[in-house]
Amino acid sequence: MEKVMHPGNEARERCGECRFWDMDPRDDRTNVGECHRMPPQMVADSKFIASIGDDSINPMTGFFPETLANQWCGEWRPASKGNLR
């Protein structure tokens, strides 16, 4: 398992090897994905609704945080062997 060194010489596991990380198949870059550790965050997308001029559409949209495969956080958990990217 590859580790990356950070300030203070702490080794951290990367998002790309975390069980909660899902590589985005819609993105041509292979190092972009979404963190599914928590439920999607709901946000109001009023600019989108205003741009299409349709008030009947629900302006709430759910997003998972987008991360790069080499980023890290304090919630990392190892991916199962069959789930590594």
N, C-alpha and C. Protein backbone atom coordinates (compact mmCIF):
# COMPACT_ATOMS: atom_id res chain seq x y z
N MET A 1 0.85 -1.17 0.00
CA MET A 1 0.00 0.00 0.00
C MET A 1 0.89 1.24 0.00
N GLU A 2 0.64 2.14 -0.91
CA GLU A 2 1.46 3.34 -1.05
C GLU A 2 1.06 4.38 -0.01
N LYS A 3 2.05 4.95 0.64
CA LYS A 3 1.79 6.00 1.61
C LYS A 3 2.43 7.28 1.13
N VAL A 4 1.92 8.40 1.56
CA VAL A 4 2.46 9.69 1.17
C VAL A 4 2.90 10.41 2.44
N MET A 5 4.01 11.09 2.36
CA MET A 5 4.53 11.81 3.53
C MET A 5 3.97 13.22 3.55
N HIS A 6 3.63 13.69 4.73
CA HIS A 6 3.07 15.01 4.92
C HIS A 6 3.90 15.77 5.93
N PRO A 7 3.64 17.06 6.09
CA PRO A 7 4.40 17.83 7.08
C PRO A 7 4.41 17.11 8.42
N GLY A 8 5.53 17.13 9.07
CA GLY A 8 5.67 16.41 10.32
C GLY A 8 6.05 14.96 10.10
N ASN A 9 6.34 14.59 8.85
CA ASN A 9 6.74 13.23 8.47
C ASN A 9 5.70 12.17 8.84
N GLU A 10 4.43 12.54 8.82
CA GLU A 10 3.37 11.57 9.10
C GLU A 10 2.99 10.86 7.81
N ALA A 11 2.98 9.54 7.84
CA ALA A 11 2.54 8.77 6.68
C ALA A 11 1.02 8.68 6.71
N ARG A 12 0.36 8.95 5.59
CA ARG A 12 -1.10 8.89 5.50
C ARG A 12 -1.51 8.04 4.31
N GLU A 13 -2.59 7.33 4.47
CA GLU A 13 -3.14 6.56 3.36
C GLU A 13 -3.89 7.51 2.43
N ARG A 14 -3.98 7.15 1.18
CA ARG A 14 -4.58 8.03 0.16
C ARG A 14 -6.04 7.67 -0.12
N CYS A 15 -6.80 8.66 -0.61
CA CYS A 15 -8.21 8.46 -0.96
C CYS A 15 -8.39 7.33 -1.97
N GLY A 16 -7.51 7.24 -2.96
CA GLY A 16 -7.63 6.23 -4.00
C GLY A 16 -7.59 4.80 -3.50
N GLU A 17 -7.15 4.60 -2.26
CA GLU A 17 -7.09 3.26 -1.68
C GLU A 17 -8.06 3.11 -0.51
N CYS A 18 -9.00 4.04 -0.41
CA CYS A 18 -9.97 4.02 0.70
C CYS A 18 -11.26 3.32 0.26
N ARG A 19 -11.88 2.61 1.18
CA ARG A 19 -13.12 1.90 0.87
C ARG A 19 -14.28 2.84 0.54
N PHE A 20 -14.20 4.09 0.97
CA PHE A 20 -15.29 5.05 0.75
C PHE A 20 -15.14 5.86 -0.54
N TRP A 21 -14.01 5.69 -1.23
CA TRP A 21 -13.73 6.50 -2.42
C TRP A 21 -14.21 5.79 -3.67
N ASP A 22 -14.86 6.52 -4.56
CA ASP A 22 -15.38 5.95 -5.81
C ASP A 22 -14.85 6.78 -6.97
N MET A 23 -14.05 6.15 -7.83
CA MET A 23 -13.51 6.86 -8.98
C MET A 23 -14.66 7.27 -9.89
N ASP A 24 -14.62 8.49 -10.40
CA ASP A 24 -15.68 9.02 -11.25
C ASP A 24 -15.49 8.53 -12.68
N PRO A 25 -16.37 7.63 -13.17
CA PRO A 25 -16.20 7.10 -14.52
C PRO A 25 -16.51 8.13 -15.61
N ARG A 26 -17.17 9.24 -15.25
CA ARG A 26 -17.50 10.28 -16.23
C ARG A 26 -16.34 11.22 -16.48
N ASP A 27 -15.30 11.11 -15.69
CA ASP A 27 -14.16 12.02 -15.80
C ASP A 27 -13.01 11.31 -16.48
N ASP A 28 -12.42 11.95 -17.49
CA ASP A 28 -11.30 11.34 -18.22
C ASP A 28 -10.05 11.21 -17.36
N ARG A 29 -9.96 12.03 -16.33
CA ARG A 29 -8.79 11.93 -15.44
C ARG A 29 -9.00 10.73 -14.52
N THR A 30 -8.03 9.88 -14.39
CA THR A 30 -8.19 8.67 -13.58
C THR A 30 -7.97 8.91 -12.10
N ASN A 31 -7.61 10.11 -11.72
CA ASN A 31 -7.32 10.37 -10.31
C ASN A 31 -8.41 11.19 -9.61
N VAL A 32 -9.58 11.33 -10.24
CA VAL A 32 -10.69 12.09 -9.66
C VAL A 32 -11.78 11.14 -9.21
N GLY A 33 -12.32 11.37 -8.03
CA GLY A 33 -13.40 10.53 -7.53
C GLY A 33 -14.22 11.25 -6.49
N GLU A 34 -15.15 10.51 -5.89
CA GLU A 34 -16.03 11.07 -4.87
C GLU A 34 -15.86 10.30 -3.57
N CYS A 35 -15.92 11.02 -2.47
CA CYS A 35 -15.86 10.40 -1.15
C CYS A 35 -17.29 10.09 -0.71
N HIS A 36 -17.54 8.81 -0.43
CA HIS A 36 -18.88 8.37 0.00
C HIS A 36 -18.89 7.99 1.47
N ARG A 37 -18.02 8.60 2.25
CA ARG A 37 -17.96 8.32 3.69
C ARG A 37 -19.26 8.74 4.37
N MET A 38 -19.81 9.86 3.95
CA MET A 38 -21.05 10.40 4.52
C MET A 38 -22.08 10.52 3.41
N PRO A 39 -23.36 10.71 3.75
CA PRO A 39 -24.39 10.91 2.72
C PRO A 39 -24.09 12.15 1.89
N PRO A 40 -24.67 12.24 0.69
CA PRO A 40 -24.42 13.44 -0.12
C PRO A 40 -24.90 14.68 0.61
N GLN A 41 -24.19 15.77 0.37
CA GLN A 41 -24.56 17.06 0.95
C GLN A 41 -25.60 17.71 0.05
N MET A 42 -26.70 18.14 0.63
CA MET A 42 -27.76 18.78 -0.13
C MET A 42 -27.48 20.28 -0.22
N VAL A 43 -27.56 20.79 -1.42
CA VAL A 43 -27.33 22.22 -1.65
C VAL A 43 -28.41 22.77 -2.57
N ALA A 44 -28.75 24.03 -2.39
CA ALA A 44 -29.71 24.69 -3.26
C ALA A 44 -28.98 25.19 -4.50
N ASP A 45 -29.49 24.84 -5.65
CA ASP A 45 -28.85 25.23 -6.91
C ASP A 45 -29.73 26.25 -7.62
N SER A 46 -29.93 27.41 -6.97
CA SER A 46 -30.84 28.42 -7.51
C SER A 46 -30.32 29.04 -8.81
N LYS A 47 -29.00 29.11 -8.98
CA LYS A 47 -28.45 29.66 -10.22
C LYS A 47 -28.82 28.79 -11.41
N PHE A 48 -28.79 27.47 -11.22
CA PHE A 48 -29.16 26.56 -12.31
C PHE A 48 -30.63 26.74 -12.66
N ILE A 49 -31.50 26.79 -11.66
CA ILE A 49 -32.94 26.95 -11.89
C ILE A 49 -33.20 28.27 -12.63
N ALA A 50 -32.55 29.33 -12.18
CA ALA A 50 -32.74 30.63 -12.83
C ALA A 50 -32.25 30.60 -14.28
N SER A 51 -31.18 29.86 -14.53
CA SER A 51 -30.62 29.84 -15.88
C SER A 51 -31.52 29.12 -16.88
N ILE A 52 -32.31 28.13 -16.42
CA ILE A 52 -33.19 27.43 -17.35
C ILE A 52 -34.62 27.96 -17.31
N GLY A 53 -34.93 28.80 -16.31
CA GLY A 53 -36.23 29.45 -16.25
C GLY A 53 -37.39 28.51 -15.95
N ASP A 54 -37.16 27.43 -15.21
CA ASP A 54 -38.22 26.48 -14.88
C ASP A 54 -38.33 26.36 -13.38
N ASP A 55 -39.31 27.04 -12.78
CA ASP A 55 -39.49 27.02 -11.33
C ASP A 55 -40.08 25.72 -10.81
N SER A 56 -40.51 24.82 -11.69
CA SER A 56 -41.12 23.57 -11.24
C SER A 56 -40.07 22.53 -10.82
N ILE A 57 -38.80 22.78 -11.12
CA ILE A 57 -37.74 21.85 -10.78
C ILE A 57 -37.29 22.08 -9.35
N ASN A 58 -37.09 20.99 -8.60
CA ASN A 58 -36.61 21.08 -7.23
C ASN A 58 -35.18 21.60 -7.25
N PRO A 59 -34.92 22.74 -6.61
CA PRO A 59 -33.57 23.31 -6.66
C PRO A 59 -32.57 22.62 -5.75
N MET A 60 -32.97 21.62 -4.99
CA MET A 60 -32.05 20.92 -4.10
C MET A 60 -31.33 19.81 -4.87
N THR A 61 -30.03 19.76 -4.72
CA THR A 61 -29.21 18.79 -5.41
C THR A 61 -28.25 18.18 -4.40
N GLY A 62 -27.99 16.88 -4.52
CA GLY A 62 -27.04 16.21 -3.62
C GLY A 62 -25.70 16.01 -4.29
N PHE A 63 -24.63 16.30 -3.55
CA PHE A 63 -23.28 16.14 -4.06
C PHE A 63 -22.42 15.40 -3.04
N PHE A 64 -21.60 14.48 -3.53
CA PHE A 64 -20.54 13.90 -2.71
C PHE A 64 -19.29 14.74 -2.93
N PRO A 65 -18.47 14.92 -1.91
CA PRO A 65 -17.25 15.70 -2.10
C PRO A 65 -16.35 15.06 -3.15
N GLU A 66 -15.83 15.87 -4.05
CA GLU A 66 -14.90 15.39 -5.07
C GLU A 66 -13.48 15.51 -4.53
N THR A 67 -12.72 14.44 -4.67
CA THR A 67 -11.33 14.45 -4.21
C THR A 67 -10.43 13.85 -5.28
N LEU A 68 -9.15 14.06 -5.11
CA LEU A 68 -8.15 13.42 -5.95
C LEU A 68 -7.67 12.15 -5.26
N ALA A 69 -7.23 11.19 -6.03
CA ALA A 69 -6.80 9.90 -5.48
C ALA A 69 -5.65 10.04 -4.50
N ASN A 70 -4.83 11.08 -4.64
CA ASN A 70 -3.67 11.21 -3.76
C ASN A 70 -3.93 12.10 -2.55
N GLN A 71 -5.17 12.53 -2.34
CA GLN A 71 -5.50 13.30 -1.16
C GLN A 71 -5.75 12.35 0.01
N TRP A 72 -5.90 12.91 1.21
CA TRP A 72 -6.12 12.09 2.39
C TRP A 72 -7.00 12.83 3.39
N CYS A 73 -7.53 12.09 4.36
CA CYS A 73 -8.28 12.69 5.46
C CYS A 73 -8.14 11.79 6.69
N GLY A 74 -8.77 12.15 7.76
CA GLY A 74 -8.69 11.37 9.00
C GLY A 74 -9.70 10.24 9.08
N GLU A 75 -10.49 10.01 8.05
CA GLU A 75 -11.53 8.98 8.06
C GLU A 75 -11.17 7.77 7.21
N TRP A 76 -9.95 7.66 6.72
CA TRP A 76 -9.54 6.61 5.79
C TRP A 76 -9.77 5.22 6.38
N ARG A 77 -10.29 4.32 5.54
CA ARG A 77 -10.44 2.89 5.87
C ARG A 77 -9.95 2.10 4.66
N PRO A 78 -9.25 1.01 4.88
CA PRO A 78 -8.70 0.26 3.72
C PRO A 78 -9.81 -0.33 2.86
N ALA A 79 -9.61 -0.24 1.55
CA ALA A 79 -10.54 -0.87 0.61
C ALA A 79 -10.33 -2.37 0.68
N SER A 80 -11.39 -3.13 0.42
CA SER A 80 -11.23 -4.59 0.36
C SER A 80 -10.36 -4.94 -0.84
N LYS A 81 -9.72 -6.09 -0.80
CA LYS A 81 -8.79 -6.46 -1.88
C LYS A 81 -9.45 -6.45 -3.24
N GLY A 82 -10.71 -6.83 -3.35
CA GLY A 82 -11.41 -6.84 -4.62
C GLY A 82 -11.92 -5.48 -5.03
N ASN A 83 -11.74 -4.46 -4.17
CA ASN A 83 -12.29 -3.15 -4.42
C ASN A 83 -11.22 -2.10 -4.68
N LEU A 84 -9.95 -2.49 -4.78
CA LEU A 84 -8.89 -1.54 -5.06
C LEU A 84 -8.96 -1.07 -6.50
N ARG A 85 -8.63 0.19 -6.74
CA ARG A 85 -8.66 0.74 -8.09
C ARG A 85 -7.30 0.76 -8.68
